C-alpha atoms as a PDB file:
ATOM      1  CA  MET A   1       0.024  -0.246   0.251  1.00  0.00           C
ATOM      2  CA  ASP A   2       1.087   3.687  -0.622  1.00  0.00           C
ATOM      3  CA  ASP A   3       1.330   6.399   1.826  1.00  0.00           C
ATOM      4  CA  VAL A   4      -1.934   7.771   1.055  1.00  0.00           C
ATOM      5  CA  THR A   5      -3.767   4.424   1.747  1.00  0.00           C
ATOM      6  CA  TRP A   6      -2.006   4.229   5.237  1.00  0.00           C
ATOM      7  CA  GLY A   7      -2.983   7.901   5.783  1.00  0.00           C
ATOM      8  CA  ALA A   8      -6.681   7.234   5.005  1.00  0.00           C
ATOM      9  CA  LEU A   9      -6.607   4.040   7.171  1.00  0.00           C
ATOM     10  CA  ALA A  10      -5.186   5.981  10.185  1.00  0.00           C
ATOM     11  CA  VAL A  11      -7.837   8.756   9.663  1.00  0.00           C
ATOM     12  CA  VAL A  12     -10.828   6.265   9.562  1.00  0.00           C
ATOM     13  CA  LEU A  13      -9.651   4.484  12.595  1.00  0.00           C
ATOM     14  CA  THR A  14      -8.975   7.827  14.525  1.00  0.00           C
ATOM     15  CA  VAL A  15     -12.326   9.102  13.334  1.00  0.00           C
ATOM     16  CA  VAL A  16     -13.849   5.888  14.765  1.00  0.00           C
ATOM     17  CA  GLY A  17     -12.065   6.153  17.887  1.00  0.00           C
ATOM     18  CA  GLY A  18     -13.185   9.643  18.413  1.00  0.00           C
ATOM     19  CA  LEU A  19     -17.035   8.630  17.970  1.00  0.00           C
ATOM     20  CA  TYR A  20     -16.363   5.854  20.499  1.00  0.00           C
ATOM     21  CA  THR A  21     -14.646   8.511  22.770  1.00  0.00           C
ATOM     22  CA  TRP A  22     -17.769  10.802  22.471  1.00  0.00           C
ATOM     23  CA  PHE A  23     -19.968   7.870  23.340  1.00  0.00           C
ATOM     24  CA  ALA A  24     -17.884   6.908  26.175  1.00  0.00           C
ATOM     25  CA  TYR A  25     -17.885  10.291  27.668  1.00  0.00           C
ATOM     26  CA  ARG A  26     -21.737  10.850  27.300  1.00  0.00           C
ATOM     27  CA  ARG A  27     -22.440   7.248  29.126  1.00  0.00           C
ATOM     28  CA  ARG A  28     -19.746   6.500  31.533  1.00  0.00           C
ATOM     29  CA  GLY A  29     -18.141  10.061  32.202  1.00  0.00           C
ATOM     30  CA  LEU A  30     -14.704  11.654  31.787  1.00  0.00           C
ATOM     31  CA  PRO A  31     -12.494   8.629  32.907  1.00  0.00           C
ATOM     32  CA  ALA A  32     -13.783   6.456  30.181  1.00  0.00           C
ATOM     33  CA  ALA A  33     -13.537   9.192  27.900  1.00  0.00           C
ATOM     34  CA  LEU A  34      -9.865   9.888  28.467  1.00  0.00           C
ATOM     35  CA  LYS A  35      -9.016   6.022  28.213  1.00  0.00           C
ATOM     36  CA  GLY A  36     -10.939   6.198  24.793  1.00  0.00           C
ATOM     37  CA  ALA A  37      -8.941   9.167  23.704  1.00  0.00           C
ATOM     38  CA  GLY A  38      -5.860   7.332  24.501  1.00  0.00           C
ATOM     39  CA  LEU A  39      -6.846   4.438  22.432  1.00  0.00           C
ATOM     40  CA  THR A  40      -8.044   6.923  19.609  1.00  0.00           C
ATOM     41  CA  LEU A  41      -4.641   8.475  19.042  1.00  0.00           C
ATOM     42  CA  LEU A  42      -2.956   5.092  18.694  1.00  0.00           C
ATOM     43  CA  PRO A  43      -3.681   4.605  15.080  1.00  0.00           C
ATOM     44  CA  LEU A  44      -2.530   8.158  14.279  1.00  0.00           C
ATOM     45  CA  ALA A  45       0.586   7.396  16.335  1.00  0.00           C
ATOM     46  CA  ALA A  46       1.415   4.210  14.412  1.00  0.00           C
ATOM     47  CA  TYR A  47       0.880   6.095  11.107  1.00  0.00           C
ATOM     48  CA  LEU A  48       3.178   8.852  11.820  1.00  0.00           C
ATOM     49  CA  THR A  49       5.899   6.566  13.197  1.00  0.00           C
ATOM     50  CA  LYS A  50       5.318   4.131  10.175  1.00  0.00           C
ATOM     51  CA  THR A  51       4.594   1.337  12.939  1.00  0.00           C
ATOM     52  CA  LEU A  52       1.414   0.491  10.981  1.00  0.00           C
ATOM     53  CA  ARG A  53       3.367  -0.495   7.817  1.00  0.00           C
ATOM     54  CA  MET A  54       5.966  -2.454   9.699  1.00  0.00           C
ATOM     55  CA  LEU A  55       3.204  -4.482  11.761  1.00  0.00           C
ATOM     56  CA  THR A  56       1.599  -5.365   8.184  1.00  0.00           C
ATOM     57  CA  ARG A  57       4.982  -6.316   7.022  1.00  0.00           C
ATOM     58  CA  ILE A  58       5.419  -8.662   9.937  1.00  0.00           C
ATOM     59  CA  GLY A  59       2.016 -10.111   9.491  1.00  0.00           C
ATOM     60  CA  ASP A  60       2.662 -10.749   5.582  1.00  0.00           C
ATOM     61  CA  ALA A  61       6.088 -12.373   6.870  1.00  0.00           C
ATOM     62  CA  VAL A  62       4.403 -14.500   9.127  1.00  0.00           C
ATOM     63  CA  ALA A  63       1.587 -15.550   6.657  1.00  0.00           C
ATOM     64  CA  ASP A  64       4.269 -16.455   3.877  1.00  0.00           C
ATOM     65  CA  TRP A  65       6.322 -18.526   6.359  1.00  0.00           C
ATOM     66  CA  ALA A  66       3.040 -20.468   7.391  1.00  0.00           C
ATOM     67  CA  THR A  67       2.158 -21.033   3.869  1.00  0.00           C
ATOM     68  CA  SER A  68       5.452 -22.227   3.140  1.00  0.00           C
ATOM     69  CA  LEU A  69       5.313 -24.562   6.119  1.00  0.00           C
ATOM     70  CA  VAL A  70       2.048 -26.217   5.130  1.00  0.00           C
ATOM     71  CA  PHE A  71       2.458 -26.455   1.191  1.00  0.00           C
ATOM     72  CA  SER A  72       6.227 -27.411   1.123  1.00  0.00           C
ATOM     73  CA  PRO A  73       6.962 -31.004   1.113  1.00  0.00           C
ATOM     74  CA  LEU A  74      10.562 -30.122   1.999  1.00  0.00           C
ATOM     75  CA  VAL A  75       9.649 -28.632   5.179  1.00  0.00           C
ATOM     76  CA  TRP A  76       7.592 -31.636   6.091  1.00  0.00           C
ATOM     77  CA  VAL A  77      10.645 -33.783   5.338  1.00  0.00           C
ATOM     78  CA  GLY A  78      12.628 -31.592   7.715  1.00  0.00           C
ATOM     79  CA  ILE A  79       9.989 -31.980  10.351  1.00  0.00           C
ATOM     80  CA  GLY A  80      10.085 -35.769  10.101  1.00  0.00           C
ATOM     81  CA  VAL A  81      13.712 -35.947  10.427  1.00  0.00           C
ATOM     82  CA  ALA A  82      13.494 -33.628  13.490  1.00  0.00           C
ATOM     83  CA  GLY A  83      10.995 -36.006  15.136  1.00  0.00           C
ATOM     84  CA  LEU A  84      13.083 -39.097  14.100  1.00  0.00           C
ATOM     85  CA  ALA A  85      15.980 -37.417  16.170  1.00  0.00           C
ATOM     86  CA  VAL A  86      13.715 -36.801  18.992  1.00  0.00           C
ATOM     87  CA  VAL A  87      12.542 -40.504  19.117  1.00  0.00           C
ATOM     88  CA  LEU A  88      16.138 -41.833  18.542  1.00  0.00           C
ATOM     89  CA  PHE A  89      17.444 -39.803  21.497  1.00  0.00           C
ATOM     90  CA  GLY A  90      14.544 -40.931  23.822  1.00  0.00           C
ATOM     91  CA  ALA A  91      15.181 -44.389  22.857  1.00  0.00           C
ATOM     92  CA  GLY A  92      18.758 -44.032  23.637  1.00  0.00           C
ATOM     93  CA  ARG A  93      17.993 -42.461  26.935  1.00  0.00           C
ATOM     94  CA  ALA A  94      15.466 -45.369  27.716  1.00  0.00           C
ATOM     95  CA  LEU A  95      18.083 -48.010  26.880  1.00  0.00           C
ATOM     96  CA  GLU A  96      20.767 -46.343  28.818  1.00  0.00           C
ATOM     97  CA  ALA A  97      18.224 -46.333  31.915  1.00  0.00           C
ATOM     98  CA  ARG A  98      17.156 -49.658  31.658  1.00  0.00           C
ATOM     99  CA  SER A  99      20.938 -50.985  31.459  1.00  0.00           C
ATOM    100  CA  GLY A 100      21.771 -49.169  34.578  1.00  0.00           C
ATOM    101  CA  GLY A 101      23.995 -46.322  33.477  1.00  0.00           C
ATOM    102  CA  GLY A 102      25.924 -45.125  30.625  1.00  0.00           C
ATOM    103  CA  ARG A 103      29.473 -46.378  30.059  1.00  0.00           C
ATOM    104  CA  PRO A 104      30.531 -49.656  31.630  1.00  0.00           C
ATOM    105  CA  ARG A 105      32.901 -49.212  34.589  1.00  0.00           C
ATOM    106  CA  ARG A 106      36.555 -50.454  34.321  1.00  0.00           C
ATOM    107  CA  ALA A 107      38.390 -51.996  37.446  1.00  0.00           C
ATOM    108  CA  THR A 108      41.220 -50.131  38.605  1.00  0.00           C
ATOM    109  CA  THR A 109      44.703 -51.668  37.957  1.00  0.00           C
ATOM    110  CA  ASP A 110      46.457 -49.578  40.834  1.00  0.00           C
ATOM    111  CA  PRO A 111      47.949 -51.999  43.180  1.00  0.00           C
ATOM    112  CA  GLU A 112      47.994 -49.600  45.884  1.00  0.00           C
ATOM    113  CA  ALA A 113      44.370 -48.533  45.747  1.00  0.00           C
ATOM    114  CA  PRO A 114      42.476 -49.282  49.109  1.00  0.00           C
ATOM    115  CA  THR A 115      40.560 -52.601  49.085  1.00  0.00           C
ATOM    116  CA  LEU A 116      36.864 -52.471  50.517  1.00  0.00           C
ATOM    117  CA  PRO A 117      35.978 -55.542  52.908  1.00  0.00           C
ATOM    118  CA  PRO A 118      33.632 -58.166  51.652  1.00  0.00           C
ATOM    119  CA  SER A 119      29.884 -56.645  51.563  1.00  0.00           C
ATOM    120  CA  GLY A 120      28.744 -58.914  54.485  1.00  0.00           C
ATOM    121  CA  ALA A 121      31.623 -57.924  57.029  1.00  0.00           C
ATOM    122  CA  PRO A 122      31.727 -54.674  58.568  1.00  0.00           C
ATOM    123  CA  ALA A 123      34.732 -52.433  57.973  1.00  0.00           C
ATOM    124  CA  ARG A 124      37.155 -51.841  60.902  1.00  0.00           C
ATOM    125  CA  GLY A 125      36.486 -48.839  63.184  1.00  0.00           C
ATOM    126  CA  LYS A 126      32.710 -48.678  61.856  1.00  0.00           C
ATOM    127  CA  PRO A 127      29.928 -49.702  64.024  1.00  0.00           C
ATOM    128  CA  ALA A 128      27.926 -52.577  62.985  1.00  0.00           C
ATOM    129  CA  ILE A 129      24.767 -51.608  60.354  1.00  0.00           C
ATOM    130  CA  ASP A 130      21.432 -52.666  61.313  1.00  0.00           C
ATOM    131  CA  ASP A 131      19.498 -55.199  59.246  1.00  0.00           C
ATOM    132  CA  ASP A 132      17.210 -52.527  57.804  1.00  0.00           C
ATOM    133  CA  MET A 133      20.152 -50.438  56.582  1.00  0.00           C
ATOM    134  CA  ALA A 134      21.929 -53.533  55.300  1.00  0.00           C
ATOM    135  CA  GLU A 135      18.851 -54.429  52.912  1.00  0.00           C
ATOM    136  CA  ILE A 136      18.881 -50.723  51.749  1.00  0.00           C
ATOM    137  CA  GLU A 137      22.334 -50.881  51.010  1.00  0.00           C
ATOM    138  CA  ALA A 138      22.298 -54.307  49.170  1.00  0.00           C
ATOM    139  CA  LEU A 139      19.227 -52.888  47.140  1.00  0.00           C
ATOM    140  CA  LEU A 140      21.313 -49.906  46.190  1.00  0.00           C
ATOM    141  CA  ARG A 141      24.200 -51.857  45.233  1.00  0.00           C
ATOM    142  CA  LYS A 142      22.132 -54.124  43.161  1.00  0.00           C
ATOM    143  CA  ARG A 143      20.995 -50.875  41.110  1.00  0.00           C
ATOM    144  CA  GLY A 144      24.513 -49.797  40.850  1.00  0.00           C
ATOM    145  CA  ILE A 145      23.939 -46.874  43.028  1.00  0.00           C
ATOM    146  CA  SER A 146      26.865 -46.408  45.628  1.00  0.00           C
END
């Protein structure tokens, strides 16, 4: 649209807003009229700052994007590939959770590494663990949680 069309649109919206403001003043008083006057001046301000034209350009760009999204087979292939990536990532996470962890753990080959006592025997210097705690520790060890 050219500048004259934008100006005509702004003037029409301002006049309609002015009529609303007049009726709001007659029915609800000065506070409603002041709010109406504020809203009435917005189309004129949008025209003078060229914001009205910018908003229609944004609307046109969004409409072009949406139609290219809906009607382009290449875009739908891209959406399918993105969906497949999400499914594969989720399947990898599910398998990782089912197997009990990510990478397998290697045994240490350091001969000077401290050795742990057998699971049934209490360590020296530590108090004996009651039966409930022993069951909980056994369950945690079974799940690979230490």
